Amino acid sequence: MISHASSSLAEFYEDCKQLLAQQPKILLYGLALSSCLVWIIIRLSARHTKNSPRRPTSPDLEKPTSRRETIFKAPERQPGVWTPVDFKRPAASPYPGWDVHKSEPIPYRPFRYGPYHITMGLRTMQWDEWIELDNHYLRYHGDKKRRIEERGDKCCRTAPEAYDGAIELLEELCSYLPQRYPSLFRSTATGIHNLLTHETFDITTRPLPEDPMAMAGRLIQDDLAIMFEKPDGQYYLLAGAILLAGFWRLSDKFGMPLSEIHTSGDVPGFKTKLEKGMMNFFRRVQPANPVLRNNYFLQVDDNLAWSSSIGSEDPVSENDGGTSKQAHGWSSAEKNKAIEHHYFRTERQSLRRLPRSGGVVFTIRTYFEPITKVAEEVGVPGRLASAVRSWGDDVARYKGRERYGEVLLEFLDRKHREQVERGLITEEELESKYPF
């Protein structure tokens, strides 16, 4: 076969020599044409590759996002003035194979080996993924319904100037949910019907039968907050359904500007590393550019709605005879409780601007699991232990490490050693699962 190929090449070479001797121009023109065709094919191939859809890479939530991801071109406008935008959210595709009884929560694990970076950690959101529901839906729904009945406007509230924005959010949810989860929700002439709980929501009656944020909160597993810009350029929390926050109360933060919400909560690095970028983001974000971010905490009790280990949700102060807003914190938590009391709490937050009202909506979905369960996942104990140890003093205080760190780290180190001894951990495994 090789000798046959060599003979064929030799014959082709002789033919080319004869053609070049007899008609050199034809051969040269042919070579030039062939070169042009090859160049065109290469260019078209490169363009196709560039435009082909690619599977997104795992976002790095603890490192600064690129300028291309965080900068949104926005038209010039006066602070506090919003002109409605002609934007409509793309219709959502039905979630493939989703089942309210069988679909497990997504295992977000937004921590990594190495140093801890204080950043906003934003990444682009696909519209289909705006709201995540799973087989914990009934538990979350029951907790929210009970807390709305028991606590009222302590956890669900809308300022008069934010009412149109809250209704806009409710309308958006009533449009999105039947598209994305048709086995759970059905659109009606006046709103939406929940096929599981048999609740029907009329969003057309005026006035609405209840606060629009309370209605929105009962539809999904997320907590909700809407920030509105005022003439001073600050964004204020003027509408919220904060029902399962764990560590903070809507009644403490309602009406506050964004900066004060963070400084009053002693958020680490806010003034030095976050405030300027956050204010610029809120000013620029447009309705067509939704984003996501994740965070995580440790908790030493099993209460999803309010972490009772840091104190009562409604402590009574003997000094003022009423409710104290500051009488809770990690200093109240029992130190070094058994590992069975440790829970991993992570939030998936989406941020988007409403096109009609201009309000910036936070959806805050909390995932809550025993640390003993999370630590069974390959690679997670070592990675989480490294992350907890990497916290600076300010982050450690904010996250309460002094109250649980000794017990937690001993447990995580032991689970990591067990995984290494069983051959489950490789060098590649150290990073491959991040952030999920």
Protein backbone atom coordinates (compact mmCIF):
# COMPACT_ATOMS: atom_id res chain seq x y z
CA MET A 1 0.00 0.00 0.00
CA ILE A 2 2.87 2.37 0.86
CA SER A 3 4.68 1.68 -2.45
CA HIS A 4 1.42 2.30 -4.34
CA ALA A 5 0.97 5.66 -2.65
CA SER A 6 4.58 6.65 -3.38
CA SER A 7 4.11 5.70 -7.06
CA SER A 8 0.95 7.83 -7.27
CA LEU A 9 2.70 10.86 -5.76
CA ALA A 10 5.58 10.44 -8.21
CA GLU A 11 3.19 10.32 -11.15
CA PHE A 12 1.37 13.44 -9.85
CA TYR A 13 4.72 15.23 -9.55
CA GLU A 14 5.66 14.35 -13.16
CA ASP A 15 2.24 15.52 -14.41
CA CYS A 16 2.71 18.85 -12.62
CA LYS A 17 6.15 19.29 -14.21
CA GLN A 18 4.76 18.66 -17.68
CA LEU A 19 1.81 21.03 -17.12
CA LEU A 20 4.12 23.74 -15.80
CA ALA A 21 6.32 23.40 -18.88
CA GLN A 22 3.40 23.44 -21.34
CA GLN A 23 0.92 25.88 -19.69
CA PRO A 24 2.56 27.65 -16.70
CA LYS A 25 -0.14 30.34 -16.38
CA ILE A 26 -2.97 27.83 -15.93
CA LEU A 27 -1.11 26.03 -13.15
CA LEU A 28 -0.22 29.26 -11.35
CA TYR A 29 -3.81 30.50 -11.57
CA GLY A 30 -5.03 27.18 -10.23
CA LEU A 31 -2.67 27.34 -7.26
CA ALA A 32 -3.72 30.91 -6.50
CA LEU A 33 -7.41 29.96 -6.64
CA SER A 34 -6.81 26.97 -4.36
CA SER A 35 -5.03 29.20 -1.81
CA CYS A 36 -7.96 31.63 -1.79
CA LEU A 37 -10.45 28.80 -1.23
CA VAL A 38 -8.41 27.42 1.66
CA TRP A 39 -8.23 30.91 3.27
CA ILE A 40 -12.01 31.39 2.95
CA ILE A 41 -12.71 27.98 4.51
CA ILE A 42 -10.43 28.75 7.47
CA ARG A 43 -12.11 32.13 8.10
CA LEU A 44 -15.61 30.67 7.94
CA SER A 45 -14.61 27.86 10.29
CA ALA A 46 -13.16 30.34 12.81
CA ARG A 47 -16.31 32.46 12.71
CA HIS A 48 -18.53 29.43 13.26
CA THR A 49 -16.46 28.35 16.25
CA LYS A 50 -16.63 31.83 17.78
CA ASN A 51 -20.41 32.04 17.43
CA SER A 52 -21.18 28.49 18.51
CA PRO A 53 -22.88 28.22 21.90
CA ARG A 54 -20.59 26.93 24.63
CA ARG A 55 -21.37 25.36 27.92
CA PRO A 56 -20.70 28.01 30.57
CA THR A 57 -17.74 27.39 32.84
CA SER A 58 -18.24 27.11 36.59
CA PRO A 59 -18.31 30.66 37.95
CA ASP A 60 -15.69 31.67 40.50
CA LEU A 61 -17.79 33.32 43.17
CA GLU A 62 -14.95 34.36 45.47
CA LYS A 63 -12.82 36.24 42.92
CA PRO A 64 -13.50 39.60 41.26
CA THR A 65 -15.70 39.28 38.19
CA SER A 66 -14.47 40.63 34.87
CA ARG A 67 -15.34 44.13 33.68
CA ARG A 68 -17.33 42.67 30.80
CA GLU A 69 -19.59 40.87 33.30
CA THR A 70 -20.12 43.75 35.69
CA ILE A 71 -20.36 46.87 33.52
CA PHE A 72 -23.80 47.62 32.08
CA LYS A 73 -24.21 50.52 29.71
CA ALA A 74 -27.05 52.67 30.94
CA PRO A 75 -28.56 55.87 29.54
CA GLU A 76 -27.93 59.06 31.47
CA ARG A 77 -30.77 60.01 33.82
CA GLN A 78 -31.42 62.03 36.94
CA PRO A 79 -31.15 60.13 40.25
CA GLY A 80 -34.55 58.91 41.38
CA VAL A 81 -36.06 59.32 37.91
CA TRP A 82 -36.92 56.18 35.94
CA THR A 83 -38.54 56.12 32.51
CA PRO A 84 -40.30 52.80 31.79
CA VAL A 85 -38.39 50.61 29.35
CA ASP A 86 -39.96 48.60 26.54
CA PHE A 87 -38.47 45.29 27.63
CA LYS A 88 -40.22 41.96 28.06
CA ARG A 89 -38.60 38.98 29.72
CA PRO A 90 -38.10 36.11 27.24
CA ALA A 91 -40.64 33.33 27.74
CA ALA A 92 -39.29 30.57 29.99
CA SER A 93 -38.90 27.00 28.78
CA PRO A 94 -40.53 24.26 30.88
CA TYR A 95 -38.01 22.78 33.31
CA PRO A 96 -37.14 19.36 31.80
CA GLY A 97 -38.31 16.49 33.97
CA TRP A 98 -39.08 18.69 36.97
CA ASP A 99 -41.26 17.11 39.67
CA VAL A 100 -42.30 18.85 42.89
CA HIS A 101 -41.95 15.56 44.80
CA LYS A 102 -38.75 14.24 43.21
CA SER A 103 -36.52 17.11 42.01
CA GLU A 104 -33.69 17.54 44.53
CA PRO A 105 -32.27 20.94 45.57
CA ILE A 106 -29.23 22.05 43.58
CA PRO A 107 -26.13 21.45 45.76
CA TYR A 108 -24.49 24.87 45.74
CA ARG A 109 -21.10 24.78 47.48
CA PRO A 110 -19.75 28.33 46.96
CA PHE A 111 -16.42 28.01 48.75
CA ARG A 112 -12.94 27.06 47.62
CA TYR A 113 -9.42 26.25 48.71
CA GLY A 114 -7.14 29.19 49.31
CA PRO A 115 -7.69 32.79 50.40
CA TYR A 116 -11.14 34.29 50.91
CA HIS A 117 -11.93 37.25 48.63
CA ILE A 118 -14.54 39.86 49.58
CA THR A 119 -16.36 40.65 46.32
CA MET A 120 -19.89 40.93 44.96
CA GLY A 121 -19.20 37.71 43.03
CA LEU A 122 -21.70 38.36 40.22
CA ARG A 123 -22.31 36.12 37.24
CA THR A 124 -24.76 36.34 34.34
CA MET A 125 -28.20 34.79 34.84
CA GLN A 126 -30.07 32.89 32.13
CA TRP A 127 -33.73 33.93 32.14
CA ASP A 128 -35.00 30.35 32.40
CA GLU A 129 -33.16 30.04 35.72
CA TRP A 130 -34.70 33.04 37.49
CA ILE A 131 -36.58 31.01 40.13
CA GLU A 132 -35.49 27.59 41.41
CA LEU A 133 -38.04 25.26 42.99
CA ASP A 134 -37.52 21.70 44.26
CA ASN A 135 -39.00 18.92 46.37
CA HIS A 136 -38.73 21.05 49.55
CA TYR A 137 -41.44 23.33 48.15
CA LEU A 138 -44.20 22.27 50.54
CA ARG A 139 -42.01 22.77 53.62
CA TYR A 140 -40.98 26.26 52.53
CA HIS A 141 -44.54 27.14 51.55
CA GLY A 142 -45.88 25.97 54.90
CA ASP A 143 -43.24 27.92 56.85
CA LYS A 144 -43.90 31.08 54.85
CA LYS A 145 -47.67 30.85 55.13
CA ARG A 146 -47.44 30.36 58.90
CA ARG A 147 -45.04 33.27 59.36
CA ILE A 148 -47.18 35.62 57.27
CA GLU A 149 -50.17 34.76 59.45
CA GLU A 150 -48.22 35.10 62.70
CA ARG A 151 -45.96 38.07 61.96
CA GLY A 152 -47.76 40.13 59.32
CA ASP A 153 -45.95 43.32 58.35
CA LYS A 154 -42.91 42.42 60.46
CA CYS A 155 -41.86 40.22 57.55
CA CYS A 156 -44.00 41.34 54.56
CA ARG A 157 -44.43 45.01 53.78
CA THR A 158 -44.74 47.45 50.87
CA ALA A 159 -44.28 51.22 51.11
CA PRO A 160 -46.96 53.23 49.25
CA GLU A 161 -44.44 54.59 46.74
CA ALA A 162 -43.29 51.03 45.99
CA TYR A 163 -46.74 49.53 45.44
CA ASP A 164 -46.61 49.62 41.64
CA GLY A 165 -43.22 47.92 41.67
CA ALA A 166 -44.46 45.19 44.00
CA ILE A 167 -47.42 44.55 41.70
CA GLU A 168 -45.05 44.47 38.72
CA LEU A 169 -42.99 41.78 40.47
CA LEU A 170 -46.14 39.80 41.26
CA GLU A 171 -47.21 40.03 37.61
CA GLU A 172 -43.77 38.83 36.49
CA LEU A 173 -43.98 35.78 38.77
CA CYS A 174 -47.50 34.96 37.58
CA SER A 175 -46.21 35.03 34.02
CA TYR A 176 -42.97 33.11 34.59
CA LEU A 177 -44.03 30.32 36.94
CA PRO A 178 -46.64 28.59 34.69
CA GLN A 179 -44.10 28.72 31.84
CA ARG A 180 -41.24 27.22 33.83
CA TYR A 181 -43.21 24.89 36.14
CA PRO A 182 -46.42 23.97 34.27
CA SER A 183 -46.98 20.91 36.49
CA LEU A 184 -47.26 23.18 39.56
CA PHE A 185 -48.85 26.41 38.28
CA ARG A 186 -51.60 27.32 35.83
CA SER A 187 -52.35 30.79 34.47
CA THR A 188 -55.87 32.10 35.02
CA ALA A 189 -57.77 35.08 33.63
CA THR A 190 -57.08 37.00 36.84
CA GLY A 191 -53.72 35.63 37.95
CA ILE A 192 -52.42 32.18 38.85
CA HIS A 193 -53.51 28.87 40.39
CA ASN A 194 -51.28 26.58 42.46
CA LEU A 195 -52.09 23.00 41.45
CA LEU A 196 -50.47 21.53 44.58
CA THR A 197 -51.79 23.78 47.36
CA HIS A 198 -55.04 24.62 45.48
CA GLU A 199 -54.53 28.34 46.13
CA THR A 200 -55.79 30.82 43.55
CA PHE A 201 -54.31 34.30 43.42
CA ASP A 202 -56.29 37.20 41.94
CA ILE A 203 -53.81 39.93 41.05
CA THR A 204 -56.26 42.13 39.14
CA THR A 205 -58.59 43.27 41.93
CA ARG A 206 -57.87 46.73 43.33
CA PRO A 207 -57.09 47.05 46.07
CA LEU A 208 -55.44 43.65 46.29
CA PRO A 209 -56.82 41.39 49.03
CA GLU A 210 -53.39 41.36 50.75
CA ASP A 211 -49.95 42.89 50.45
CA PRO A 212 -48.53 42.09 46.97
CA MET A 213 -45.21 41.04 48.52
CA ALA A 214 -46.99 38.54 50.77
CA MET A 215 -48.74 37.08 47.71
CA ALA A 216 -45.47 36.88 45.81
CA GLY A 217 -43.71 35.31 48.78
CA ARG A 218 -46.24 32.47 49.00
CA LEU A 219 -45.70 31.49 45.37
CA ILE A 220 -42.00 30.59 45.58
CA GLN A 221 -39.32 29.35 47.99
CA ASP A 222 -37.29 32.58 47.78
CA ASP A 223 -37.44 35.61 50.01
CA LEU A 224 -37.96 38.84 48.06
CA ALA A 225 -36.80 42.45 48.35
CA ILE A 226 -37.16 45.45 46.04
CA MET A 227 -34.85 48.47 46.19
CA PHE A 228 -35.92 51.82 44.73
CA GLU A 229 -33.72 54.80 43.91
CA LYS A 230 -34.51 58.19 45.46
CA PRO A 231 -33.31 61.64 44.33
CA ASP A 232 -30.22 61.35 46.57
CA GLY A 233 -29.01 58.49 44.34
CA GLN A 234 -29.33 55.91 47.13
CA TYR A 235 -31.39 52.72 46.76
CA TYR A 236 -33.88 52.08 49.57
CA LEU A 237 -35.54 48.86 50.72
CA LEU A 238 -39.21 49.75 50.21
CA ALA A 239 -40.85 46.36 49.56
CA GLY A 240 -40.03 42.96 50.99
CA ALA A 241 -41.16 39.45 51.87
CA ILE A 242 -38.34 38.40 54.21
CA LEU A 243 -39.64 35.21 55.77
CA LEU A 244 -36.74 32.74 55.99
CA ALA A 245 -33.71 35.00 56.38
CA GLY A 246 -32.25 33.29 59.44
CA PHE A 247 -30.12 36.17 60.72
CA TRP A 248 -31.90 39.46 59.92
CA ARG A 249 -35.37 40.98 60.14
CA LEU A 250 -37.24 43.09 57.61
CA SER A 251 -38.56 45.26 60.43
CA ASP A 252 -34.97 46.33 61.23
CA LYS A 253 -33.98 47.20 57.66
CA PHE A 254 -37.19 48.46 56.02
CA GLY A 255 -36.82 51.96 54.58
CA MET A 256 -33.02 51.94 54.92
CA PRO A 257 -30.67 52.86 52.06
CA LEU A 258 -28.49 50.08 50.69
CA SER A 259 -25.33 51.37 52.36
CA GLU A 260 -26.92 51.57 55.81
CA ILE A 261 -28.38 48.08 55.46
CA HIS A 262 -24.85 46.75 55.10
CA THR A 263 -23.10 48.98 57.64
CA SER A 264 -25.78 48.37 60.28
CA GLY A 265 -25.19 44.66 59.77
CA ASP A 266 -21.40 45.04 60.04
CA VAL A 267 -20.84 43.42 56.65
CA PRO A 268 -17.06 42.86 56.37
CA GLY A 269 -15.21 45.03 53.87
CA PHE A 270 -18.32 46.90 52.76
CA LYS A 271 -16.87 50.41 52.99
CA THR A 272 -13.42 49.53 51.68
CA LYS A 273 -14.16 46.87 49.04
CA LEU A 274 -17.86 46.68 48.20
CA GLU A 275 -19.72 49.97 48.53
CA LYS A 276 -18.44 51.81 45.45
CA GLY A 277 -18.82 48.81 43.15
CA MET A 278 -22.26 47.98 44.52
CA MET A 279 -23.56 51.51 44.09
CA ASN A 280 -22.22 51.65 40.54
CA PHE A 281 -23.84 48.30 39.77
CA PHE A 282 -27.25 49.39 41.04
CA ARG A 283 -27.02 52.58 39.03
CA ARG A 284 -26.12 50.78 35.80
CA VAL A 285 -28.05 47.50 35.87
CA GLN A 286 -30.64 47.31 33.09
CA PRO A 287 -33.78 45.13 32.75
CA ALA A 288 -32.12 42.91 30.13
CA ASN A 289 -29.07 42.09 32.30
CA PRO A 290 -30.01 39.94 35.31
CA VAL A 291 -27.24 38.52 37.47
CA LEU A 292 -26.71 35.88 40.16
CA ARG A 293 -24.52 35.53 43.23
CA ASN A 294 -24.12 33.01 46.06
CA ASN A 295 -22.96 33.15 49.67
CA TYR A 296 -22.78 30.76 52.60
CA PHE A 297 -22.99 30.66 56.39
CA LEU A 298 -22.79 28.12 59.20
CA GLN A 299 -25.60 27.84 61.75
CA VAL A 300 -25.77 25.92 65.05
CA ASP A 301 -29.48 25.14 65.18
CA ASP A 302 -31.97 23.59 62.77
CA ASN A 303 -34.35 26.57 62.36
CA LEU A 304 -34.60 27.69 58.76
CA ALA A 305 -36.66 30.83 59.34
CA TRP A 306 -34.80 32.33 62.29
CA SER A 307 -31.57 31.04 63.85
CA SER A 308 -32.68 30.79 67.47
CA SER A 309 -29.11 30.14 68.64
CA ILE A 310 -28.26 33.85 68.18
CA GLY A 311 -31.20 34.97 70.32
CA SER A 312 -34.94 35.41 70.15
CA GLU A 313 -36.43 36.90 67.00
CA ASP A 314 -38.50 39.20 69.20
CA PRO A 315 -36.47 39.81 72.36
CA VAL A 316 -38.08 42.05 74.98
CA SER A 317 -35.86 44.71 76.50
CA GLU A 318 -36.50 45.63 80.14
CA ASN A 319 -35.14 49.12 79.43
CA ASP A 320 -37.69 50.22 76.86
CA GLY A 321 -40.50 47.76 77.54
CA GLY A 322 -40.63 46.78 73.90
CA THR A 323 -38.76 44.96 71.21
CA SER A 324 -35.02 45.53 70.98
CA LYS A 325 -33.61 45.63 67.49
CA GLN A 326 -30.05 44.79 68.50
CA ALA A 327 -30.54 42.17 71.22
CA HIS A 328 -29.31 39.25 69.13
CA GLY A 329 -25.99 38.10 67.74
CA TRP A 330 -23.37 35.37 67.73
CA SER A 331 -22.33 36.24 71.29
CA SER A 332 -25.62 34.67 72.40
CA ALA A 333 -24.87 31.32 70.75
CA GLU A 334 -23.74 28.34 72.82
CA LYS A 335 -20.10 27.60 72.10
CA ASN A 336 -18.90 24.34 70.50
CA LYS A 337 -22.22 22.54 70.28
CA ALA A 338 -22.06 18.96 68.99
CA ILE A 339 -21.60 18.61 65.24
CA GLU A 340 -25.16 17.29 64.91
CA HIS A 341 -26.34 20.85 65.60
CA HIS A 342 -24.25 22.38 62.79
CA TYR A 343 -26.05 23.32 59.58
CA PHE A 344 -24.80 24.61 56.25
CA ARG A 345 -26.78 27.56 54.95
CA THR A 346 -26.23 28.98 51.46
CA GLU A 347 -28.12 31.63 49.51
CA ARG A 348 -28.60 31.94 45.78
CA GLN A 349 -29.52 35.53 45.01
CA SER A 350 -30.74 36.92 41.71
CA LEU A 351 -30.80 40.64 40.91
CA ARG A 352 -32.79 42.21 38.08
CA ARG A 353 -34.33 45.59 37.34
CA LEU A 354 -38.06 45.80 36.70
CA PRO A 355 -38.65 47.60 33.38
CA ARG A 356 -41.81 49.53 34.35
CA SER A 357 -41.08 50.75 37.87
CA GLY A 358 -37.28 50.64 37.79
CA GLY A 359 -37.09 48.77 41.10
CA VAL A 360 -34.17 46.36 41.57
CA VAL A 361 -35.46 42.98 42.73
CA PHE A 362 -33.53 40.56 44.93
CA THR A 363 -34.71 36.98 45.06
CA ILE A 364 -33.01 35.20 47.95
CA ARG A 365 -33.28 31.41 47.88
CA THR A 366 -31.89 29.70 50.99
CA TYR A 367 -30.62 26.11 50.90
CA PHE A 368 -30.32 24.51 54.33
CA GLU A 369 -28.71 21.15 55.14
CA PRO A 370 -27.01 19.38 58.08
CA ILE A 371 -23.24 19.74 57.88
CA THR A 372 -22.99 15.99 58.51
CA LYS A 373 -24.79 15.39 55.22
CA VAL A 374 -22.81 17.98 53.23
CA ALA A 375 -19.52 16.52 54.51
CA GLU A 376 -20.31 13.16 52.88
CA GLU A 377 -19.81 14.72 49.44
CA VAL A 378 -16.44 13.94 47.87
CA GLY A 379 -13.98 16.81 48.22
CA VAL A 380 -16.29 19.03 50.25
CA PRO A 381 -14.93 18.56 53.83
CA GLY A 382 -11.37 19.56 52.91
CA ARG A 383 -12.49 22.44 50.76
CA LEU A 384 -14.88 23.82 53.36
CA ALA A 385 -12.28 23.49 56.14
CA SER A 386 -9.78 25.41 54.04
CA ALA A 387 -12.36 28.12 53.30
CA VAL A 388 -13.35 28.55 56.97
CA ARG A 389 -9.70 28.80 58.01
CA SER A 390 -9.06 31.42 55.31
CA TRP A 391 -11.56 33.94 56.70
CA GLY A 392 -10.01 37.15 57.94
CA ASP A 393 -10.78 38.29 61.49
CA ASP A 394 -13.65 40.53 60.34
CA VAL A 395 -15.27 37.78 58.26
CA ALA A 396 -14.79 35.25 61.07
CA ARG A 397 -16.57 37.57 63.52
CA TYR A 398 -19.39 38.22 61.06
CA LYS A 399 -19.90 34.50 60.43
CA GLY A 400 -19.54 33.51 64.10
CA ARG A 401 -16.58 31.14 63.73
CA GLU A 402 -15.47 31.54 67.35
CA ARG A 403 -18.70 29.86 68.52
CA TYR A 404 -18.44 26.69 66.40
CA GLY A 405 -15.04 26.62 64.67
CA GLU A 406 -13.28 24.15 66.96
CA VAL A 407 -15.92 21.42 66.64
CA LEU A 408 -16.60 22.09 62.97
CA LEU A 409 -12.97 22.03 61.83
CA GLU A 410 -12.14 18.90 63.81
CA PHE A 411 -15.05 17.13 62.13
CA LEU A 412 -14.25 18.38 58.63
CA ASP A 413 -10.58 17.45 58.97
CA ARG A 414 -11.51 13.94 60.05
CA LYS A 415 -13.93 13.49 57.14
CA HIS A 416 -11.29 14.79 54.74
CA ARG A 417 -8.71 12.29 56.05
CA GLU A 418 -11.21 9.48 55.63
CA GLN A 419 -11.81 10.46 52.00
CA VAL A 420 -8.07 10.63 51.33
CA GLU A 421 -7.49 7.21 52.90
CA ARG A 422 -10.26 5.73 50.77
CA GLY A 423 -8.64 7.12 47.64
CA LEU A 424 -11.56 9.45 46.86
CA ILE A 425 -9.49 12.64 46.71
CA THR A 426 -7.14 13.41 43.83
CA GLU A 427 -5.36 16.60 42.84
CA GLU A 428 -7.99 17.19 40.17
CA GLU A 429 -10.77 16.72 42.73
CA LEU A 430 -9.60 19.72 44.73
CA GLU A 431 -11.16 22.20 42.28
CA SER A 432 -13.38 20.20 39.94
CA LYS A 433 -16.63 20.45 41.91
CA TYR A 434 -16.58 24.23 42.50
CA PRO A 435 -19.04 25.86 43.07
CA PHE A 436 -21.57 23.01 43.04
